[in-house]
Amino acid sequence: MDDKIAQFSAVTGASAKEARRYLTKYKRLEQALDAYFNNPAAAAAAPRPAASTSKLNALFDKYKEPDGDDITVDGTIRLCEDLAVNPEDVVLLAVAYELRSPAMGQWTRKGWTDGWKALGCVVDAVPAMKAALETLRNQMATDTDYFRRVYNYTFEFSRPPGQRSLGLDMAQGFWALLIPHGLAGGALAHVSAAAQEGDEDAVMGAGAGAGEDGWKSEHTDWWFAFLEKSGAKGVSKDVWQMFLEFVRTIDGRFEQYDAEAAWPSTIDDFVEYARERVAAGRA
C-alpha cells in the first residue's frame, strides 16, 4: 500500500492522507487515479509541482551507456526491470511515443526529460513512472485518437534506417501487441456503416458499432495468414496506417467494404480472402 500511496501522490500532488483515502476506496491504483482526475474539485485543489530536471537527468545517467549519449538496449532492459514491466509490454510503445524514442530500445536525453515533464505530473522517480505507465496503458486502451497516435508512431520509430517499409515479422509482432489491446479497451470499437455515413441515430445510440459485428481476434490471425501466403516481405506506411481504419470500420462478415474507396490493394485482396474464409465457415 505504501508504494501505491507514493505513486499516487507523485502523480497527483495529493497528500498521503488523500492518496490513502482514494486507494482504500478504489483498491487499484489506476482506478484511484482516474477517480481523482475525474473529480474537478480535488484536481483543482491539488498543488502542481513540476518534475525535477536534475532528478530526470540523474535517472537518465543511471540507464545510459557509459561511453555514449543515449540509453540503448541494455539500459532499456535495466529500466524495465526497475519499472517491473516486460520489455515487450504494449505500454512501452506509448512511452516511446511520449519520449520520442528515435529507435527501438533507444532514448535521448532531451526526449527523456521533455517527455516525462510533458505528462503533466511529477514523473521524476521510478514509483511515479510506474503509475504513469498505468495511466498511459489505460489511455491507449480506451482513447481512439491516442491509440492512433501511438500506433502511427510505432511504424516510424521501429522502421530500420533508410527503409520505407517495416519487415513483415516485426509488423506482425507489433500488431499482435496493439490490436488486442485496442479491441479489449474500446479504442478499436467498431464503427458501423451507418455511423460512418453520419446517421445521427447510429452515432447517438449505444456505441458507434451497436448491432453490427466488427473485427475479431481471429481476423487478426487471418490477416497474418494472408500476408504470409501472399509472400509479402514488408509492410508499407500506407498499409500500416490504413489497416487501423480498416479494423475499426469493417464488419465481421466483410460485407460492408467499398472496393472503390482508396484502400491499398493489399487490403482489397485480403477482403476477398476473408470473404472466402467466412463462406467456408458457413458451409
C-alpha atoms as a PDB file:
ATOM      1  CA  MET A   1       0.000   0.000   0.000  1.00  0.00           C
ATOM      2  CA  ASP A   2       2.798   2.449   0.881  1.00  0.00           C
ATOM      3  CA  ASP A   3       4.331   2.084  -2.595  1.00  0.00           C
ATOM      4  CA  LYS A   4       0.965   2.821  -4.223  1.00  0.00           C
ATOM      5  CA  ILE A   5       0.437   5.822  -1.948  1.00  0.00           C
ATOM      6  CA  ALA A   6       3.836   7.184  -3.014  1.00  0.00           C
ATOM      7  CA  GLN A   7       2.988   6.654  -6.683  1.00  0.00           C
ATOM      8  CA  PHE A   8      -0.441   8.278  -6.289  1.00  0.00           C
ATOM      9  CA  SER A   9       1.000  11.309  -4.517  1.00  0.00           C
ATOM     10  CA  ALA A  10       3.830  11.661  -7.033  1.00  0.00           C
ATOM     11  CA  VAL A  11       1.418  11.700  -9.968  1.00  0.00           C
ATOM     12  CA  THR A  12      -1.322  13.853  -8.455  1.00  0.00           C
ATOM     13  CA  GLY A  13       0.487  16.035  -5.943  1.00  0.00           C
ATOM     14  CA  ALA A  14      -2.107  14.976  -3.349  1.00  0.00           C
ATOM     15  CA  SER A  15      -1.242  14.385   0.289  1.00  0.00           C
ATOM     16  CA  ALA A  16      -0.527  10.898   1.595  1.00  0.00           C
ATOM     17  CA  LYS A  17      -3.796  11.046   3.532  1.00  0.00           C
ATOM     18  CA  GLU A  18      -5.766  11.880   0.394  1.00  0.00           C
ATOM     19  CA  ALA A  19      -3.923   9.192  -1.559  1.00  0.00           C
ATOM     20  CA  ARG A  20      -4.761   6.595   1.084  1.00  0.00           C
ATOM     21  CA  ARG A  21      -8.428   7.613   1.022  1.00  0.00           C
ATOM     22  CA  TYR A  22      -8.692   7.116  -2.752  1.00  0.00           C
ATOM     23  CA  LEU A  23      -6.730   3.867  -2.741  1.00  0.00           C
ATOM     24  CA  THR A  24      -8.786   2.443   0.118  1.00  0.00           C
ATOM     25  CA  LYS A  25     -11.973   3.222  -1.775  1.00  0.00           C
ATOM     26  CA  TYR A  26     -10.932   2.169  -5.292  1.00  0.00           C
ATOM     27  CA  LYS A  27      -8.332  -0.520  -4.422  1.00  0.00           C
ATOM     28  CA  ARG A  28      -6.460  -0.350  -7.749  1.00  0.00           C
ATOM     29  CA  LEU A  29      -4.022   2.478  -8.454  1.00  0.00           C
ATOM     30  CA  GLU A  30      -5.270   3.048 -11.988  1.00  0.00           C
ATOM     31  CA  GLN A  31      -8.900   3.319 -10.865  1.00  0.00           C
ATOM     32  CA  ALA A  32      -7.968   5.607  -7.986  1.00  0.00           C
ATOM     33  CA  LEU A  33      -6.085   7.944 -10.336  1.00  0.00           C
ATOM     34  CA  ASP A  34      -8.996   8.025 -12.776  1.00  0.00           C
ATOM     35  CA  ALA A  35     -11.415   8.851  -9.970  1.00  0.00           C
ATOM     36  CA  TYR A  36      -9.162  11.592  -8.658  1.00  0.00           C
ATOM     37  CA  PHE A  37      -8.680  13.329 -12.003  1.00  0.00           C
ATOM     38  CA  ASN A  38     -12.401  12.998 -12.763  1.00  0.00           C
ATOM     39  CA  ASN A  39     -13.107  14.989  -9.593  1.00  0.00           C
ATOM     40  CA  PRO A  40     -12.651  18.638 -10.671  1.00  0.00           C
ATOM     41  CA  ALA A  41     -12.605  19.958  -7.106  1.00  0.00           C
ATOM     42  CA  ALA A  42      -9.861  17.569  -5.987  1.00  0.00           C
ATOM     43  CA  ALA A  43      -7.783  18.084  -9.109  1.00  0.00           C
ATOM     44  CA  ALA A  44      -8.074  21.859  -8.915  1.00  0.00           C
ATOM     45  CA  ALA A  45      -7.137  21.946  -5.254  1.00  0.00           C
ATOM     46  CA  ALA A  46      -4.034  19.820  -5.649  1.00  0.00           C
ATOM     47  CA  PRO A  47      -0.646  21.537  -5.951  1.00  0.00           C
ATOM     48  CA  ARG A  48       1.091  21.132  -9.291  1.00  0.00           C
ATOM     49  CA  PRO A  49       4.809  20.781  -8.584  1.00  0.00           C
ATOM     50  CA  ALA A  50       6.948  20.285 -11.669  1.00  0.00           C
ATOM     51  CA  ALA A  51       9.156  17.315 -12.350  1.00  0.00           C
ATOM     52  CA  SER A  52      12.771  17.903 -11.384  1.00  0.00           C
ATOM     53  CA  THR A  53      15.116  18.199 -14.363  1.00  0.00           C
ATOM     54  CA  SER A  54      18.076  17.215 -12.201  1.00  0.00           C
ATOM     55  CA  LYS A  55      16.312  14.065 -10.964  1.00  0.00           C
ATOM     56  CA  LEU A  56      15.321  13.130 -14.505  1.00  0.00           C
ATOM     57  CA  ASN A  57      18.879  13.639 -15.684  1.00  0.00           C
ATOM     58  CA  ALA A  58      20.184  11.531 -12.821  1.00  0.00           C
ATOM     59  CA  LEU A  59      17.838   8.716 -13.794  1.00  0.00           C
ATOM     60  CA  PHE A  60      18.849   9.062 -17.417  1.00  0.00           C
ATOM     61  CA  ASP A  61      22.527   8.802 -16.436  1.00  0.00           C
ATOM     62  CA  LYS A  62      21.731   5.660 -14.464  1.00  0.00           C
ATOM     63  CA  TYR A  63      20.479   3.875 -17.588  1.00  0.00           C
ATOM     64  CA  LYS A  64      22.505   5.392 -20.420  1.00  0.00           C
ATOM     65  CA  GLU A  65      25.538   3.772 -21.985  1.00  0.00           C
ATOM     66  CA  PRO A  66      28.723   4.641 -20.025  1.00  0.00           C
ATOM     67  CA  ASP A  67      30.532   5.731 -23.176  1.00  0.00           C
ATOM     68  CA  GLY A  68      27.523   7.041 -25.091  1.00  0.00           C
ATOM     69  CA  ASP A  69      24.965   9.804 -25.035  1.00  0.00           C
ATOM     70  CA  ASP A  70      21.781   7.714 -25.175  1.00  0.00           C
ATOM     71  CA  ILE A  71      20.013   4.956 -23.311  1.00  0.00           C
ATOM     72  CA  THR A  72      20.213   1.866 -25.525  1.00  0.00           C
ATOM     73  CA  VAL A  73      19.020  -1.733 -25.320  1.00  0.00           C
ATOM     74  CA  ASP A  74      20.961  -2.713 -22.180  1.00  0.00           C
ATOM     75  CA  GLY A  75      19.789   0.378 -20.333  1.00  0.00           C
ATOM     76  CA  THR A  76      16.235  -0.179 -21.504  1.00  0.00           C
ATOM     77  CA  ILE A  77      16.279  -3.690 -20.058  1.00  0.00           C
ATOM     78  CA  ARG A  78      17.500  -2.341 -16.703  1.00  0.00           C
ATOM     79  CA  LEU A  79      14.806   0.344 -16.813  1.00  0.00           C
ATOM     80  CA  CYS A  80      12.131  -2.269 -17.474  1.00  0.00           C
ATOM     81  CA  GLU A  81      13.377  -4.315 -14.544  1.00  0.00           C
ATOM     82  CA  ASP A  82      13.089  -1.306 -12.247  1.00  0.00           C
ATOM     83  CA  LEU A  83       9.630  -0.490 -13.601  1.00  0.00           C
ATOM     84  CA  ALA A  84       8.582  -4.144 -13.219  1.00  0.00           C
ATOM     85  CA  VAL A  85       7.393  -4.217 -16.819  1.00  0.00           C
ATOM     86  CA  ASN A  86       8.102  -6.725 -19.573  1.00  0.00           C
ATOM     87  CA  PRO A  87      10.240  -5.181 -22.349  1.00  0.00           C
ATOM     88  CA  GLU A  88       7.597  -6.467 -24.792  1.00  0.00           C
ATOM     89  CA  ASP A  89       4.685  -4.867 -22.930  1.00  0.00           C
ATOM     90  CA  VAL A  90       2.471  -2.780 -25.229  1.00  0.00           C
ATOM     91  CA  VAL A  91       2.628   0.185 -22.837  1.00  0.00           C
ATOM     92  CA  LEU A  92       6.252   0.784 -23.821  1.00  0.00           C
ATOM     93  CA  LEU A  93       5.027   1.796 -27.270  1.00  0.00           C
ATOM     94  CA  ALA A  94       3.131   4.623 -25.581  1.00  0.00           C
ATOM     95  CA  VAL A  95       6.276   5.528 -23.645  1.00  0.00           C
ATOM     96  CA  ALA A  96       8.236   5.530 -26.917  1.00  0.00           C
ATOM     97  CA  TYR A  97       5.689   7.957 -28.349  1.00  0.00           C
ATOM     98  CA  GLU A  98       5.713  10.246 -25.315  1.00  0.00           C
ATOM     99  CA  LEU A  99       9.520  10.304 -25.038  1.00  0.00           C
ATOM    100  CA  ARG A 100      10.045  10.470 -28.809  1.00  0.00           C
ATOM    101  CA  SER A 101      12.239   7.395 -28.917  1.00  0.00           C
ATOM    102  CA  PRO A 102      14.255   7.554 -32.163  1.00  0.00           C
ATOM    103  CA  ALA A 103      14.506   3.762 -32.454  1.00  0.00           C
ATOM    104  CA  MET A 104      13.544   0.623 -30.562  1.00  0.00           C
ATOM    105  CA  GLY A 105      15.281   0.463 -27.195  1.00  0.00           C
ATOM    106  CA  GLN A 106      16.839   3.899 -27.629  1.00  0.00           C
ATOM    107  CA  TRP A 107      16.114   7.101 -25.696  1.00  0.00           C
ATOM    108  CA  THR A 108      17.718  10.535 -25.996  1.00  0.00           C
ATOM    109  CA  ARG A 109      18.263  12.831 -23.033  1.00  0.00           C
ATOM    110  CA  LYS A 110      16.059  15.569 -24.495  1.00  0.00           C
ATOM    111  CA  GLY A 111      13.245  13.155 -25.305  1.00  0.00           C
ATOM    112  CA  TRP A 112      13.526  11.642 -21.836  1.00  0.00           C
ATOM    113  CA  THR A 113      13.353  14.897 -19.872  1.00  0.00           C
ATOM    114  CA  ASP A 114      10.850  16.687 -22.121  1.00  0.00           C
ATOM    115  CA  GLY A 115       8.649  13.630 -22.417  1.00  0.00           C
ATOM    116  CA  TRP A 116       8.305  12.843 -18.733  1.00  0.00           C
ATOM    117  CA  LYS A 117       7.719  16.528 -17.954  1.00  0.00           C
ATOM    118  CA  ALA A 118       5.037  16.811 -20.644  1.00  0.00           C
ATOM    119  CA  LEU A 119       2.986  14.103 -18.949  1.00  0.00           C
ATOM    120  CA  GLY A 120       1.848  16.834 -16.578  1.00  0.00           C
ATOM    121  CA  CYS A 121       2.813  15.327 -13.247  1.00  0.00           C
ATOM    122  CA  VAL A 122       5.886  14.765 -11.101  1.00  0.00           C
ATOM    123  CA  VAL A 123       7.315  11.827 -13.016  1.00  0.00           C
ATOM    124  CA  ASP A 124      10.934  12.067 -11.899  1.00  0.00           C
ATOM    125  CA  ALA A 125      11.257   8.857  -9.865  1.00  0.00           C
ATOM    126  CA  VAL A 126      10.614   5.190 -10.572  1.00  0.00           C
ATOM    127  CA  PRO A 127       7.426   4.887  -8.421  1.00  0.00           C
ATOM    128  CA  ALA A 128       5.827   7.807 -10.263  1.00  0.00           C
ATOM    129  CA  MET A 129       6.914   6.381 -13.609  1.00  0.00           C
ATOM    130  CA  LYS A 130       5.212   3.100 -12.716  1.00  0.00           C
ATOM    131  CA  ALA A 131       1.995   4.996 -12.075  1.00  0.00           C
ATOM    132  CA  ALA A 132       2.387   6.951 -15.308  1.00  0.00           C
ATOM    133  CA  LEU A 133       2.702   3.690 -17.233  1.00  0.00           C
ATOM    134  CA  GLU A 134      -0.663   2.539 -15.898  1.00  0.00           C
ATOM    135  CA  THR A 135      -2.230   5.826 -16.949  1.00  0.00           C
ATOM    136  CA  LEU A 136      -0.750   5.511 -20.434  1.00  0.00           C
ATOM    137  CA  ARG A 137      -1.847   1.885 -20.684  1.00  0.00           C
ATOM    138  CA  ASN A 138      -5.430   2.845 -19.879  1.00  0.00           C
ATOM    139  CA  GLN A 139      -5.409   5.824 -22.227  1.00  0.00           C
ATOM    140  CA  MET A 140      -4.115   3.752 -25.114  1.00  0.00           C
ATOM    141  CA  ALA A 141      -6.780   1.108 -24.483  1.00  0.00           C
ATOM    142  CA  THR A 142      -9.722   3.498 -24.318  1.00  0.00           C
ATOM    143  CA  ASP A 143      -8.861   6.635 -26.314  1.00  0.00           C
ATOM    144  CA  THR A 144      -9.109   6.088 -30.078  1.00  0.00           C
ATOM    145  CA  ASP A 145      -7.198   9.233 -31.012  1.00  0.00           C
ATOM    146  CA  TYR A 146      -4.370   8.481 -28.601  1.00  0.00           C
ATOM    147  CA  PHE A 147      -4.218   4.875 -29.758  1.00  0.00           C
ATOM    148  CA  ARG A 148      -3.910   6.095 -33.356  1.00  0.00           C
ATOM    149  CA  ARG A 149      -1.039   8.426 -32.486  1.00  0.00           C
ATOM    150  CA  VAL A 150       0.880   5.674 -30.694  1.00  0.00           C
ATOM    151  CA  TYR A 151       0.078   3.207 -33.482  1.00  0.00           C
ATOM    152  CA  ASN A 152       1.367   5.530 -36.220  1.00  0.00           C
ATOM    153  CA  TYR A 153       4.479   6.447 -34.230  1.00  0.00           C
ATOM    154  CA  THR A 154       5.260   2.765 -33.769  1.00  0.00           C
ATOM    155  CA  PHE A 155       5.806   2.428 -37.517  1.00  0.00           C
ATOM    156  CA  GLU A 156       8.112   5.447 -37.606  1.00  0.00           C
ATOM    157  CA  PHE A 157      10.409   4.593 -34.715  1.00  0.00           C
ATOM    158  CA  SER A 158      10.633   0.857 -35.456  1.00  0.00           C
ATOM    159  CA  ARG A 159      11.357   1.129 -39.175  1.00  0.00           C
ATOM    160  CA  PRO A 160      15.017   0.393 -39.982  1.00  0.00           C
ATOM    161  CA  PRO A 161      17.025   3.474 -41.022  1.00  0.00           C
ATOM    162  CA  GLY A 162      16.784   4.111 -44.754  1.00  0.00           C
ATOM    163  CA  GLN A 163      13.923   1.648 -45.229  1.00  0.00           C
ATOM    164  CA  ARG A 164      10.474   2.677 -46.438  1.00  0.00           C
ATOM    165  CA  SER A 165       8.770  -0.461 -45.153  1.00  0.00           C
ATOM    166  CA  LEU A 166       8.585  -2.394 -41.914  1.00  0.00           C
ATOM    167  CA  GLY A 167       9.633  -6.033 -42.056  1.00  0.00           C
ATOM    168  CA  LEU A 168       6.677  -8.431 -42.023  1.00  0.00           C
ATOM    169  CA  ASP A 169       7.787 -10.272 -38.868  1.00  0.00           C
ATOM    170  CA  MET A 170       8.219  -7.009 -37.000  1.00  0.00           C
ATOM    171  CA  ALA A 171       4.900  -5.600 -38.227  1.00  0.00           C
ATOM    172  CA  GLN A 172       3.093  -8.748 -37.136  1.00  0.00           C
ATOM    173  CA  GLY A 173       4.759  -8.555 -33.742  1.00  0.00           C
ATOM    174  CA  PHE A 174       3.540  -5.005 -33.195  1.00  0.00           C
ATOM    175  CA  TRP A 175       0.042  -5.782 -34.482  1.00  0.00           C
ATOM    176  CA  ALA A 176      -0.093  -8.725 -32.074  1.00  0.00           C
ATOM    177  CA  LEU A 177       0.538  -6.281 -29.221  1.00  0.00           C
ATOM    178  CA  LEU A 178      -1.546  -3.337 -30.371  1.00  0.00           C
ATOM    179  CA  ILE A 179      -4.716  -4.769 -31.894  1.00  0.00           C
ATOM    180  CA  PRO A 180      -5.800  -6.924 -28.895  1.00  0.00           C
ATOM    181  CA  HIS A 181      -5.127  -4.010 -26.540  1.00  0.00           C
ATOM    182  CA  GLY A 182      -7.280  -1.625 -28.569  1.00  0.00           C
ATOM    183  CA  LEU A 183     -10.065  -4.162 -29.012  1.00  0.00           C
ATOM    184  CA  ALA A 184     -10.177  -5.025 -25.306  1.00  0.00           C
ATOM    185  CA  GLY A 185     -10.315  -1.423 -24.104  1.00  0.00           C
ATOM    186  CA  GLY A 186     -12.595   0.042 -26.755  1.00  0.00           C
ATOM    187  CA  ALA A 187     -10.109   2.211 -28.629  1.00  0.00           C
ATOM    188  CA  LEU A 188     -10.790  -0.010 -31.652  1.00  0.00           C
ATOM    189  CA  ALA A 189     -14.522  -0.283 -31.041  1.00  0.00           C
ATOM    190  CA  HIS A 190     -16.366  -0.991 -34.281  1.00  0.00           C
ATOM    191  CA  VAL A 191     -17.732   1.974 -36.223  1.00  0.00           C
ATOM    192  CA  SER A 192     -20.827   0.786 -38.099  1.00  0.00           C
ATOM    193  CA  ALA A 193     -21.610   1.634 -41.701  1.00  0.00           C
ATOM    194  CA  ALA A 194     -24.496   3.831 -40.535  1.00  0.00           C
ATOM    195  CA  ALA A 195     -22.219   5.765 -38.199  1.00  0.00           C
ATOM    196  CA  GLN A 196     -19.655   6.225 -40.987  1.00  0.00           C
ATOM    197  CA  GLU A 197     -22.387   7.735 -43.150  1.00  0.00           C
ATOM    198  CA  GLY A 198     -23.340  10.171 -40.413  1.00  0.00           C
ATOM    199  CA  ASP A 199     -26.605   8.558 -39.292  1.00  0.00           C
ATOM    200  CA  GLU A 200     -27.389  10.583 -36.167  1.00  0.00           C
ATOM    201  CA  ASP A 201     -29.349   7.783 -34.513  1.00  0.00           C
ATOM    202  CA  ALA A 202     -26.444   5.373 -35.009  1.00  0.00           C
ATOM    203  CA  VAL A 203     -23.917   7.841 -33.673  1.00  0.00           C
ATOM    204  CA  MET A 204     -26.040   8.727 -30.633  1.00  0.00           C
ATOM    205  CA  GLY A 205     -27.035   5.116 -29.974  1.00  0.00           C
ATOM    206  CA  ALA A 206     -25.433   2.553 -27.725  1.00  0.00           C
ATOM    207  CA  GLY A 207     -21.987   2.644 -29.288  1.00  0.00           C
ATOM    208  CA  ALA A 208     -20.950   3.545 -32.800  1.00  0.00           C
ATOM    209  CA  GLY A 209     -20.965  -0.101 -33.803  1.00  0.00           C
ATOM    210  CA  ALA A 210     -24.095  -1.209 -31.933  1.00  0.00           C
ATOM    211  CA  GLY A 211     -25.960  -4.009 -33.679  1.00  0.00           C
ATOM    212  CA  GLU A 212     -23.154  -4.819 -36.107  1.00  0.00           C
ATOM    213  CA  ASP A 213     -20.241  -7.163 -35.508  1.00  0.00           C
ATOM    214  CA  GLY A 214     -16.793  -5.832 -36.181  1.00  0.00           C
ATOM    215  CA  TRP A 215     -13.212  -7.050 -36.163  1.00  0.00           C
ATOM    216  CA  LYS A 216     -12.495 -10.078 -34.005  1.00  0.00           C
ATOM    217  CA  SER A 217      -9.254 -11.557 -32.722  1.00  0.00           C
ATOM    218  CA  GLU A 218      -9.494 -14.419 -35.224  1.00  0.00           C
ATOM    219  CA  HIS A 219      -9.459 -11.867 -38.042  1.00  0.00           C
ATOM    220  CA  THR A 220      -6.005 -10.764 -36.943  1.00  0.00           C
ATOM    221  CA  ASP A 221      -4.878 -14.375 -37.391  1.00  0.00           C
ATOM    222  CA  TRP A 222      -6.464 -14.373 -40.861  1.00  0.00           C
ATOM    223  CA  TRP A 223      -4.604 -11.176 -41.712  1.00  0.00           C
ATOM    224  CA  PHE A 224      -1.282 -12.726 -40.690  1.00  0.00           C
ATOM    225  CA  ALA A 225      -2.002 -15.908 -42.631  1.00  0.00           C
ATOM    226  CA  PHE A 226      -2.956 -13.896 -45.700  1.00  0.00           C
ATOM    227  CA  LEU A 227       0.203 -11.797 -45.600  1.00  0.00           C
ATOM    228  CA  GLU A 228       2.388 -14.870 -45.244  1.00  0.00           C
ATOM    229  CA  LYS A 229       0.551 -16.642 -48.064  1.00  0.00           C
ATOM    230  CA  SER A 230       0.917 -13.598 -50.308  1.00  0.00           C
ATOM    231  CA  GLY A 231       4.692 -13.709 -49.957  1.00  0.00           C
ATOM    232  CA  ALA A 232       4.862 -10.147 -48.633  1.00  0.00           C
ATOM    233  CA  LYS A 233       8.263  -9.228 -47.219  1.00  0.00           C
ATOM    234  CA  GLY A 234       7.329  -5.908 -45.682  1.00  0.00           C
ATOM    235  CA  VAL A 235       4.520  -3.525 -44.800  1.00  0.00           C
ATOM    236  CA  SER A 236       4.392  -0.027 -46.274  1.00  0.00           C
ATOM    237  CA  LYS A 237       3.418   3.058 -44.297  1.00  0.00           C
ATOM    238  CA  ASP A 238       0.202   3.320 -46.316  1.00  0.00           C
ATOM    239  CA  VAL A 239      -0.854  -0.234 -45.496  1.00  0.00           C
ATOM    240  CA  TRP A 240       0.122   0.195 -41.835  1.00  0.00           C
ATOM    241  CA  GLN A 241      -1.940   3.357 -41.376  1.00  0.00           C
ATOM    242  CA  MET A 242      -4.951   2.304 -43.454  1.00  0.00           C
ATOM    243  CA  PHE A 243      -5.134  -1.075 -41.733  1.00  0.00           C
ATOM    244  CA  LEU A 244      -6.031   0.677 -38.479  1.00  0.00           C
ATOM    245  CA  GLU A 245      -9.059   2.355 -40.067  1.00  0.00           C
ATOM    246  CA  PHE A 246      -9.965  -0.900 -41.775  1.00  0.00           C
ATOM    247  CA  VAL A 247     -10.012  -2.726 -38.435  1.00  0.00           C
ATOM    248  CA  ARG A 248     -12.299  -0.092 -36.940  1.00  0.00           C
ATOM    249  CA  THR A 249     -14.762   0.068 -39.819  1.00  0.00           C
ATOM    250  CA  ILE A 250     -15.038  -3.378 -41.425  1.00  0.00           C
ATOM    251  CA  ASP A 251     -17.966  -5.546 -40.391  1.00  0.00           C
ATOM    252  CA  GLY A 252     -17.485  -9.085 -39.115  1.00  0.00           C
ATOM    253  CA  ARG A 253     -18.595 -10.663 -42.396  1.00  0.00           C
ATOM    254  CA  PHE A 254     -16.551  -8.328 -44.608  1.00  0.00           C
ATOM    255  CA  GLU A 255     -19.665  -7.291 -46.495  1.00  0.00           C
ATOM    256  CA  GLN A 256     -19.598  -3.536 -45.813  1.00  0.00           C
ATOM    257  CA  TYR A 257     -16.471  -2.846 -47.818  1.00  0.00           C
ATOM    258  CA  ASP A 258     -16.217  -0.187 -50.500  1.00  0.00           C
ATOM    259  CA  ALA A 259     -13.794  -1.526 -53.099  1.00  0.00           C
ATOM    260  CA  GLU A 260     -13.953   1.826 -54.895  1.00  0.00           C
ATOM    261  CA  ALA A 261     -12.538   3.680 -51.897  1.00  0.00           C
ATOM    262  CA  ALA A 262      -8.836   4.461 -51.662  1.00  0.00           C
ATOM    263  CA  TRP A 263      -7.823   1.293 -49.831  1.00  0.00           C
ATOM    264  CA  PRO A 264      -4.402  -0.229 -50.569  1.00  0.00           C
ATOM    265  CA  SER A 265      -4.559  -3.208 -52.925  1.00  0.00           C
ATOM    266  CA  THR A 266      -3.234  -5.419 -50.112  1.00  0.00           C
ATOM    267  CA  ILE A 267      -6.394  -4.745 -48.120  1.00  0.00           C
ATOM    268  CA  ASP A 268      -8.577  -5.240 -51.236  1.00  0.00           C
ATOM    269  CA  ASP A 269      -7.047  -8.670 -51.703  1.00  0.00           C
ATOM    270  CA  PHE A 270      -7.390  -9.511 -48.025  1.00  0.00           C
ATOM    271  CA  VAL A 271     -11.125  -8.789 -48.114  1.00  0.00           C
ATOM    272  CA  GLU A 272     -11.550 -11.382 -50.868  1.00  0.00           C
ATOM    273  CA  TYR A 273      -9.505 -13.839 -48.832  1.00  0.00           C
ATOM    274  CA  ALA A 274     -11.548 -13.137 -45.686  1.00  0.00           C
ATOM    275  CA  ARG A 275     -14.851 -13.492 -47.523  1.00  0.00           C
ATOM    276  CA  GLU A 276     -13.757 -16.921 -48.712  1.00  0.00           C
ATOM    277  CA  ARG A 277     -12.971 -17.918 -45.136  1.00  0.00           C
ATOM    278  CA  VAL A 278     -16.317 -16.594 -43.906  1.00  0.00           C
ATOM    279  CA  ALA A 279     -18.102 -18.574 -46.639  1.00  0.00           C
ATOM    280  CA  ALA A 280     -16.125 -21.702 -45.821  1.00  0.00           C
ATOM    281  CA  GLY A 281     -17.130 -21.372 -42.189  1.00  0.00           C
ATOM    282  CA  ARG A 282     -20.809 -21.309 -43.114  1.00  0.00           C
ATOM    283  CA  ALA A 283     -20.551 -24.416 -45.295  1.00  0.00           C
END
